[in-house]
Amino acid sequence: MYKIIIAPNSFKEGLPADEVAYAIQQGLSESVLDHVSHVIPIGDGGDYTGRLLTDFFKGRHCSFRVTGAYGEMVNAWYGLIDDGQTAVLEIAETSGFGTIRGGVKITPLEASTKGLGELINHVLSLGISDMILCLGGSATVDGGVGMLAELGVSFWGRSGREIAPRPVNYFEVDRLDVTCLHRRMRHCKIRVLCDVNNTLLGELGAAPVFGPQKGATQEEVIFLEKFLEKFNEDTLKCMGESLADHECGGAAGGVAAACKVYLQAELLYGAQYFCEMVKLCEAISTANILITGEGCIDMQSLGGKAPVVVARIAKSKHVPVIGLAGKVTRTVVEELQEVFDGLFSIGNEPECREEALKNTRENLIRTSKQIGNLLAIKN
């Protein structure tokens, strides 16, 4: 009898990771393969990672009303684990695209992480000082200034007036004061799960790479880069440390760098840390095969994406790996062949992107059933 571990990431815009896992499990159950399966959906710091962690640890799901990326009030989810001693937060809930209401003009120059700061303040008011912050899915490139203002950093203009900072008005800022921040955050432990490894500034920094994804024009990208450069200069004067020196610092439009320098947070590769948290290595060690996947598996997946992280753990235990994706790179390069024993695109026929996304569950079930039948022949 096969023992199969099912550990996929989400199929972005198709299905969240837990639903992907259960679709694969259903397909295998419809096959003739004699097997048992164990589902461990994987997060990498992106959307739903916090919910997956909260569910895994049988925690409590909560919500709090905060200011969304463009000023609308929204109900932001957060989780409590470790008997309520640790809070799990997702920036997508406070400052993500889901917080944007219809009719709002999308421009990251106006978008703010104020709501994230509000949620952190709420968690602190509950007496909780241990937090896990998942940074995927933000709609902002504000370097975390909105968050920091809510947490006690004062942004002062030349006229002596305190400024509510956003990229669009940041050039009015003359100096920063962190006195209140230090008092409030002194005893906090914050772990930040990053789904990208980009630094804050430069060609591969937050503005040029993620700005266009969040609605920025080319002119706005240039403005955002200059804003982040000024914020970094102000930080150097105030904190004696650069925001630009940290790998993963560009995550969530620079929020990761702000968390590292101002909150003394620990920046972590989301997928790797998630796998450690859920003890995936132990589960895999007794398996005959691992099935993982996400929306797309290609060369970029080698840069720390969840399926490759999971596959490498399996390979270290000499467990074969099957990868499923909505889209698989046309030429499977040697590096991918080293971590996947088989890569399968779940598409059944030519279809537009919208149809493919709508059919994600059905395609996963069908493909997994076929894989189960093939494994039965081998067995």
Protein backbone atom coordinates (compact mmCIF):
# COMPACT_ATOMS: atom_id res chain seq x y z
CA MET A 1 0.00 0.00 0.00
CA TYR A 2 1.29 3.44 -0.99
CA LYS A 3 1.59 6.16 1.63
CA ILE A 4 1.23 9.51 -0.15
CA ILE A 5 1.87 12.97 1.29
CA ILE A 6 -0.10 15.71 -0.50
CA ALA A 7 1.59 19.08 0.14
CA PRO A 8 0.70 21.72 -2.49
CA ASN A 9 0.79 25.50 -2.42
CA SER A 10 -2.19 27.50 -3.67
CA PHE A 11 -3.00 27.78 -7.38
CA LYS A 12 -3.14 31.57 -7.49
CA GLU A 13 -6.59 32.87 -8.53
CA GLY A 14 -7.66 29.23 -8.90
CA LEU A 15 -7.83 27.51 -5.51
CA PRO A 16 -6.27 28.02 -2.07
CA ALA A 17 -3.77 25.40 -0.93
CA ASP A 18 -6.15 23.40 1.25
CA GLU A 19 -8.70 23.04 -1.55
CA VAL A 20 -5.93 22.06 -3.98
CA ALA A 21 -4.81 19.36 -1.55
CA TYR A 22 -8.31 17.95 -1.10
CA ALA A 23 -8.91 17.93 -4.87
CA ILE A 24 -5.71 15.89 -5.35
CA GLN A 25 -6.81 13.58 -2.54
CA GLN A 26 -10.22 13.11 -4.17
CA GLY A 27 -8.66 12.25 -7.52
CA LEU A 28 -6.40 9.64 -5.94
CA SER A 29 -9.37 8.14 -4.09
CA GLU A 30 -11.19 7.70 -7.42
CA SER A 31 -8.24 5.76 -8.86
CA VAL A 32 -7.57 2.03 -8.45
CA LEU A 33 -4.43 2.64 -6.40
CA ASP A 34 -4.28 0.95 -2.99
CA HIS A 35 -3.06 3.82 -0.82
CA VAL A 36 -3.46 6.08 2.16
CA SER A 37 -2.92 9.82 1.86
CA HIS A 38 -2.12 12.61 4.29
CA VAL A 39 -2.87 16.23 3.43
CA ILE A 40 -0.50 19.05 4.50
CA PRO A 41 -1.29 22.24 2.51
CA ILE A 42 1.76 24.52 2.27
CA GLY A 43 2.09 28.30 2.53
CA ASP A 44 5.05 30.47 1.57
CA GLY A 45 4.13 33.72 3.28
CA GLY A 46 1.58 34.58 0.60
CA ASP A 47 -2.20 34.84 0.83
CA TYR A 48 -3.84 32.27 3.17
CA THR A 49 -0.52 31.22 4.75
CA GLY A 50 -1.72 32.56 8.09
CA ARG A 51 -4.99 30.64 7.87
CA LEU A 52 -3.14 27.42 7.06
CA LEU A 53 -0.89 27.85 10.10
CA THR A 54 -3.86 28.69 12.30
CA ASP A 55 -5.78 25.63 11.12
CA PHE A 56 -2.75 23.33 11.48
CA PHE A 57 -2.30 24.38 15.10
CA LYS A 58 -6.07 24.32 15.73
CA GLY A 59 -6.02 27.99 16.57
CA ARG A 60 -8.75 30.61 16.72
CA HIS A 61 -9.87 32.77 13.77
CA CYS A 62 -10.55 36.41 14.66
CA SER A 63 -11.15 39.73 12.91
CA PHE A 64 -10.65 43.42 13.58
CA ARG A 65 -11.75 46.50 11.65
CA VAL A 66 -8.85 48.44 10.09
CA THR A 67 -8.08 50.95 7.35
CA GLY A 68 -7.56 49.27 3.97
CA ALA A 69 -4.85 50.12 1.45
CA TYR A 70 -6.83 53.03 -0.04
CA GLY A 71 -8.62 54.26 3.09
CA GLU A 72 -11.77 52.13 3.18
CA MET A 73 -12.56 50.40 6.49
CA VAL A 74 -12.34 46.60 6.21
CA ASN A 75 -12.62 43.58 8.48
CA ALA A 76 -9.13 42.08 8.68
CA TRP A 77 -8.67 38.43 9.61
CA TYR A 78 -6.02 37.30 12.06
CA GLY A 79 -5.35 34.04 13.89
CA LEU A 80 -4.36 33.12 17.44
CA ILE A 81 -2.26 30.00 18.12
CA ASP A 82 -0.23 28.62 21.04
CA ASP A 83 -3.20 29.00 23.40
CA GLY A 84 -3.62 32.60 22.31
CA GLN A 85 -0.03 33.58 22.99
CA THR A 86 0.96 34.05 19.32
CA ALA A 87 -0.90 36.10 16.70
CA VAL A 88 -0.72 35.29 12.99
CA LEU A 89 -1.29 38.27 10.68
CA GLU A 90 -1.56 38.60 6.88
CA ILE A 91 -0.79 41.90 5.17
CA ALA A 92 -3.20 40.86 2.41
CA GLU A 93 -6.00 41.26 4.96
CA THR A 94 -5.09 44.83 5.92
CA SER A 95 -3.37 46.27 2.86
CA GLY A 96 -4.07 43.85 0.02
CA PHE A 97 -6.10 44.04 -3.17
CA GLY A 98 -9.10 42.58 -1.38
CA THR A 99 -9.34 45.78 0.68
CA ILE A 100 -9.86 47.96 -2.40
CA ARG A 101 -13.44 48.97 -3.17
CA GLY A 102 -14.85 49.61 -6.65
CA GLY A 103 -14.32 53.01 -8.18
CA VAL A 104 -11.01 53.67 -6.43
CA LYS A 105 -8.20 54.82 -8.69
CA ILE A 106 -5.33 52.37 -8.25
CA THR A 107 -1.98 54.06 -7.68
CA PRO A 108 0.60 52.81 -5.14
CA LEU A 109 1.60 56.44 -4.54
CA GLU A 110 -1.57 56.74 -2.43
CA ALA A 111 -1.71 53.22 -0.95
CA SER A 112 -0.77 52.77 2.71
CA THR A 113 0.01 50.03 5.23
CA LYS A 114 -1.74 52.01 7.97
CA GLY A 115 -4.16 49.13 8.54
CA LEU A 116 -1.33 46.71 9.26
CA GLY A 117 -0.12 49.01 12.02
CA GLU A 118 -3.66 49.23 13.38
CA LEU A 119 -3.93 45.45 13.52
CA ILE A 120 -0.54 45.11 15.24
CA ASN A 121 -1.68 47.72 17.79
CA HIS A 122 -4.86 45.72 18.39
CA VAL A 123 -2.85 42.54 18.96
CA LEU A 124 -0.59 44.40 21.40
CA SER A 125 -3.69 45.63 23.26
CA LEU A 126 -4.62 41.97 23.85
CA GLY A 127 -1.34 41.49 25.68
CA ILE A 128 0.21 39.49 22.83
CA SER A 129 3.82 40.27 21.94
CA ASP A 130 4.66 37.23 19.77
CA MET A 131 3.58 37.65 16.13
CA ILE A 132 3.99 35.87 12.81
CA LEU A 133 3.49 38.27 9.90
CA CYS A 134 2.80 36.89 6.41
CA LEU A 135 3.78 39.45 3.77
CA GLY A 136 2.40 38.11 0.48
CA GLY A 137 -0.47 39.79 -1.34
CA SER A 138 0.00 43.46 -0.47
CA ALA A 139 -1.23 46.25 -2.75
CA THR A 140 1.29 48.76 -1.39
CA VAL A 141 4.80 50.07 -2.04
CA ASP A 142 5.01 52.42 0.93
CA GLY A 143 8.09 50.93 2.59
CA GLY A 144 5.98 50.29 5.68
CA VAL A 145 5.75 53.99 6.62
CA GLY A 146 1.98 53.77 7.14
CA MET A 147 2.47 50.85 9.52
CA LEU A 148 5.29 52.59 11.38
CA ALA A 149 3.27 55.78 11.89
CA GLU A 150 0.54 53.75 13.61
CA LEU A 151 3.15 52.03 15.79
CA GLY A 152 4.57 55.26 17.13
CA VAL A 153 7.09 56.59 14.63
CA SER A 154 6.56 60.33 14.12
CA PHE A 155 7.19 61.80 10.66
CA TRP A 156 7.82 65.54 11.04
CA GLY A 157 7.69 68.12 8.26
CA ARG A 158 9.91 71.20 8.02
CA SER A 159 7.11 73.36 9.41
CA GLY A 160 7.01 71.27 12.58
CA ARG A 161 3.76 69.61 11.54
CA GLU A 162 3.40 65.83 11.92
CA ILE A 163 2.67 64.08 8.61
CA ALA A 164 0.57 60.97 7.96
CA PRO A 165 3.09 59.45 5.52
CA ARG A 166 2.40 57.93 2.12
CA PRO A 167 4.69 57.81 -0.91
CA VAL A 168 2.86 60.74 -2.51
CA ASN A 169 3.59 63.14 0.38
CA TYR A 170 6.78 61.67 1.82
CA PHE A 171 9.06 64.34 0.36
CA GLU A 172 7.49 66.74 2.88
CA VAL A 173 9.10 64.71 5.69
CA ASP A 174 12.15 66.33 7.30
CA ARG A 175 12.94 64.01 10.21
CA LEU A 176 11.77 60.91 12.08
CA ASP A 177 11.26 60.33 15.80
CA VAL A 178 11.13 56.73 17.08
CA THR A 179 10.80 57.42 20.81
CA CYS A 180 7.25 56.11 21.12
CA LEU A 181 7.95 53.14 18.86
CA HIS A 182 10.79 51.91 21.03
CA ARG A 183 8.64 52.11 24.15
CA ARG A 184 5.76 50.20 22.60
CA MET A 185 7.62 47.48 20.71
CA ARG A 186 10.46 46.80 23.16
CA HIS A 187 9.27 43.34 24.20
CA CYS A 188 7.86 42.11 20.88
CA LYS A 189 9.03 39.08 18.95
CA ILE A 190 8.06 39.32 15.28
CA ARG A 191 8.74 36.68 12.64
CA VAL A 192 8.17 37.86 9.08
CA LEU A 193 7.44 35.26 6.40
CA CYS A 194 8.59 36.50 2.97
CA ASP A 195 7.58 34.97 -0.36
CA VAL A 196 10.27 36.84 -2.35
CA ASN A 197 13.97 37.51 -1.73
CA ASN A 198 14.28 40.93 -3.43
CA THR A 199 16.08 43.72 -1.62
CA LEU A 200 14.47 47.14 -1.16
CA LEU A 201 16.32 49.22 -3.79
CA GLY A 202 17.82 48.81 -7.26
CA GLU A 203 16.80 47.10 -10.49
CA LEU A 204 15.39 44.10 -8.63
CA GLY A 205 14.00 46.16 -5.77
CA ALA A 206 10.47 46.75 -4.55
CA ALA A 207 9.51 49.60 -6.91
CA PRO A 208 10.62 48.28 -10.34
CA VAL A 209 9.67 44.65 -9.69
CA PHE A 210 6.45 44.94 -7.70
CA GLY A 211 5.27 48.46 -8.52
CA PRO A 212 3.80 47.53 -11.94
CA GLN A 213 2.09 44.49 -10.38
CA LYS A 214 0.34 46.90 -8.01
CA GLY A 215 -0.81 49.34 -10.68
CA ALA A 216 2.14 51.73 -10.97
CA THR A 217 2.96 53.38 -14.30
CA GLN A 218 6.59 53.67 -15.38
CA GLU A 219 6.66 57.27 -14.12
CA GLU A 220 5.21 56.17 -10.80
CA VAL A 221 7.82 53.41 -10.50
CA ILE A 222 10.56 56.06 -10.80
CA PHE A 223 8.81 58.19 -8.16
CA LEU A 224 8.44 55.19 -5.82
CA GLU A 225 12.13 54.35 -6.14
CA LYS A 226 13.07 57.93 -5.22
CA PHE A 227 10.65 57.84 -2.29
CA LEU A 228 12.19 54.61 -0.99
CA GLU A 229 15.68 56.06 -1.40
CA LYS A 230 14.69 59.09 0.71
CA PHE A 231 13.05 56.89 3.34
CA ASN A 232 16.26 54.85 3.47
CA GLU A 233 18.34 58.02 3.93
CA ASP A 234 16.04 59.20 6.74
CA THR A 235 16.26 55.76 8.35
CA LEU A 236 20.06 55.84 8.25
CA LYS A 237 20.04 59.17 10.09
CA CYS A 238 17.46 58.03 12.63
CA MET A 239 18.37 54.37 13.20
CA GLY A 240 21.98 54.17 12.03
CA GLU A 241 21.06 51.23 9.81
CA SER A 242 20.19 50.91 6.12
CA LEU A 243 16.93 49.44 4.90
CA ALA A 244 18.67 48.38 1.69
CA ASP A 245 21.08 45.83 3.16
CA HIS A 246 18.60 43.06 3.89
CA GLU A 247 17.72 40.13 1.65
CA CYS A 248 13.92 39.85 1.37
CA GLY A 249 13.67 43.53 2.42
CA GLY A 250 11.67 44.39 -0.70
CA ALA A 251 8.84 42.02 0.24
CA ALA A 252 5.41 43.69 0.49
CA GLY A 253 6.74 46.89 -1.07
CA GLY A 254 9.45 47.29 1.55
CA VAL A 255 7.47 46.38 4.67
CA ALA A 256 9.94 43.56 5.34
CA ALA A 257 12.88 45.97 5.52
CA ALA A 258 10.93 48.29 7.83
CA CYS A 259 10.08 45.38 10.12
CA LYS A 260 13.72 44.31 10.22
CA VAL A 261 15.21 47.71 11.04
CA TYR A 262 12.49 49.35 13.14
CA LEU A 263 10.88 46.33 14.84
CA GLN A 264 13.96 44.08 15.04
CA ALA A 265 11.91 41.40 13.28
CA GLU A 266 13.38 38.19 11.94
CA LEU A 267 13.01 37.89 8.14
CA LEU A 268 12.39 34.29 7.11
CA TYR A 269 11.90 32.44 3.83
CA GLY A 270 8.21 31.70 4.09
CA ALA A 271 8.04 28.24 2.54
CA GLN A 272 11.05 26.91 4.44
CA TYR A 273 9.80 28.21 7.77
CA PHE A 274 6.27 26.94 7.14
CA CYS A 275 7.58 23.44 6.43
CA GLU A 276 9.55 23.51 9.67
CA MET A 277 6.50 24.71 11.62
CA VAL A 278 4.26 21.88 10.37
CA LYS A 279 7.06 19.27 10.68
CA LEU A 280 6.79 18.30 7.03
CA CYS A 281 10.17 16.56 7.10
CA GLU A 282 8.91 14.07 9.69
CA ALA A 283 5.74 13.36 7.71
CA ILE A 284 7.64 12.83 4.46
CA SER A 285 10.18 10.45 6.00
CA THR A 286 7.60 7.62 6.19
CA ALA A 287 6.01 8.26 2.77
CA ASN A 288 6.38 6.39 -0.51
CA ILE A 289 5.71 9.43 -2.65
CA LEU A 290 5.08 13.18 -2.35
CA ILE A 291 2.68 15.17 -4.52
CA THR A 292 3.07 18.95 -4.53
CA GLY A 293 2.30 21.81 -6.90
CA GLU A 294 1.15 25.38 -7.50
CA GLY A 295 -0.23 27.49 -10.34
CA CYS A 296 3.03 27.63 -12.30
CA ILE A 297 6.25 25.62 -12.05
CA ASP A 298 9.15 27.06 -14.02
CA MET A 299 12.67 28.42 -13.55
CA GLN A 300 11.41 31.03 -11.07
CA SER A 301 10.21 28.20 -8.84
CA LEU A 302 13.86 27.41 -8.10
CA GLY A 303 14.15 30.72 -6.21
CA GLY A 304 12.52 29.37 -3.05
CA LYS A 305 8.95 28.71 -4.21
CA ALA A 306 7.02 26.28 -2.04
CA PRO A 307 6.86 23.24 -4.39
CA VAL A 308 10.64 23.22 -4.86
CA VAL A 309 11.26 23.66 -1.12
CA VAL A 310 8.91 20.76 -0.41
CA ALA A 311 10.43 18.64 -3.18
CA ARG A 312 13.97 19.17 -1.88
CA ILE A 313 12.90 18.03 1.58
CA ALA A 314 11.45 14.87 0.02
CA LYS A 315 14.59 14.28 -2.03
CA SER A 316 16.70 14.51 1.13
CA LYS A 317 14.64 11.56 2.41
CA HIS A 318 14.90 9.70 -0.94
CA VAL A 319 11.15 10.06 -1.51
CA PRO A 320 10.00 10.45 -5.17
CA VAL A 321 8.21 13.71 -6.03
CA ILE A 322 5.39 14.50 -8.46
CA GLY A 323 4.65 18.14 -9.26
CA LEU A 324 1.31 19.43 -10.57
CA ALA A 325 0.76 22.89 -12.04
CA GLY A 326 -1.64 24.83 -14.18
CA LYS A 327 1.36 25.77 -16.29
CA VAL A 328 4.65 23.88 -16.57
CA THR A 329 7.68 25.32 -18.32
CA ARG A 330 7.85 24.02 -21.89
CA THR A 331 11.45 22.91 -21.51
CA VAL A 332 12.02 21.16 -18.19
CA VAL A 333 15.53 22.24 -17.26
CA GLU A 334 18.00 20.01 -15.48
CA GLU A 335 17.58 21.85 -12.17
CA LEU A 336 13.84 21.05 -12.13
CA GLN A 337 14.48 17.46 -13.17
CA GLU A 338 16.72 17.09 -10.14
CA VAL A 339 13.89 17.87 -7.72
CA PHE A 340 10.83 16.49 -9.55
CA ASP A 341 10.53 12.90 -10.77
CA GLY A 342 7.51 13.95 -12.79
CA LEU A 343 5.94 17.30 -13.71
CA PHE A 344 2.35 17.38 -14.98
CA SER A 345 0.28 20.24 -16.35
CA ILE A 346 -3.31 19.72 -15.21
CA GLY A 347 -4.85 21.27 -18.34
CA ASN A 348 -6.84 18.83 -20.45
CA GLU A 349 -7.40 20.87 -23.60
CA PRO A 350 -6.63 24.32 -25.03
CA GLU A 351 -8.58 26.90 -23.03
CA CYS A 352 -8.33 30.57 -22.13
CA ARG A 353 -6.89 31.64 -18.80
CA GLU A 354 -10.31 32.38 -17.31
CA GLU A 355 -11.59 28.91 -18.19
CA ALA A 356 -8.43 27.26 -16.88
CA LEU A 357 -8.81 29.02 -13.53
CA LYS A 358 -12.49 28.10 -13.32
CA ASN A 359 -11.67 24.44 -14.03
CA THR A 360 -8.76 24.15 -11.58
CA ARG A 361 -10.52 21.78 -9.19
CA GLU A 362 -11.89 19.54 -11.93
CA ASN A 363 -8.51 19.39 -13.66
CA LEU A 364 -6.70 18.54 -10.43
CA ILE A 365 -9.12 15.71 -9.66
CA ARG A 366 -8.84 14.26 -13.17
CA THR A 367 -5.04 14.48 -13.33
CA SER A 368 -4.61 13.01 -9.84
CA LYS A 369 -6.88 10.09 -10.71
CA GLN A 370 -4.73 9.36 -13.76
CA ILE A 371 -1.56 9.53 -11.64
CA GLY A 372 -3.10 7.11 -9.15
CA ASN A 373 -3.94 4.66 -11.92
CA LEU A 374 -0.39 4.88 -13.29
CA LEU A 375 1.09 4.25 -9.85
CA ALA A 376 -1.20 1.23 -9.48
CA ILE A 377 0.27 -0.27 -12.68
CA LYS A 378 3.80 0.30 -11.34
CA ASN A 379 2.81 -1.28 -8.05
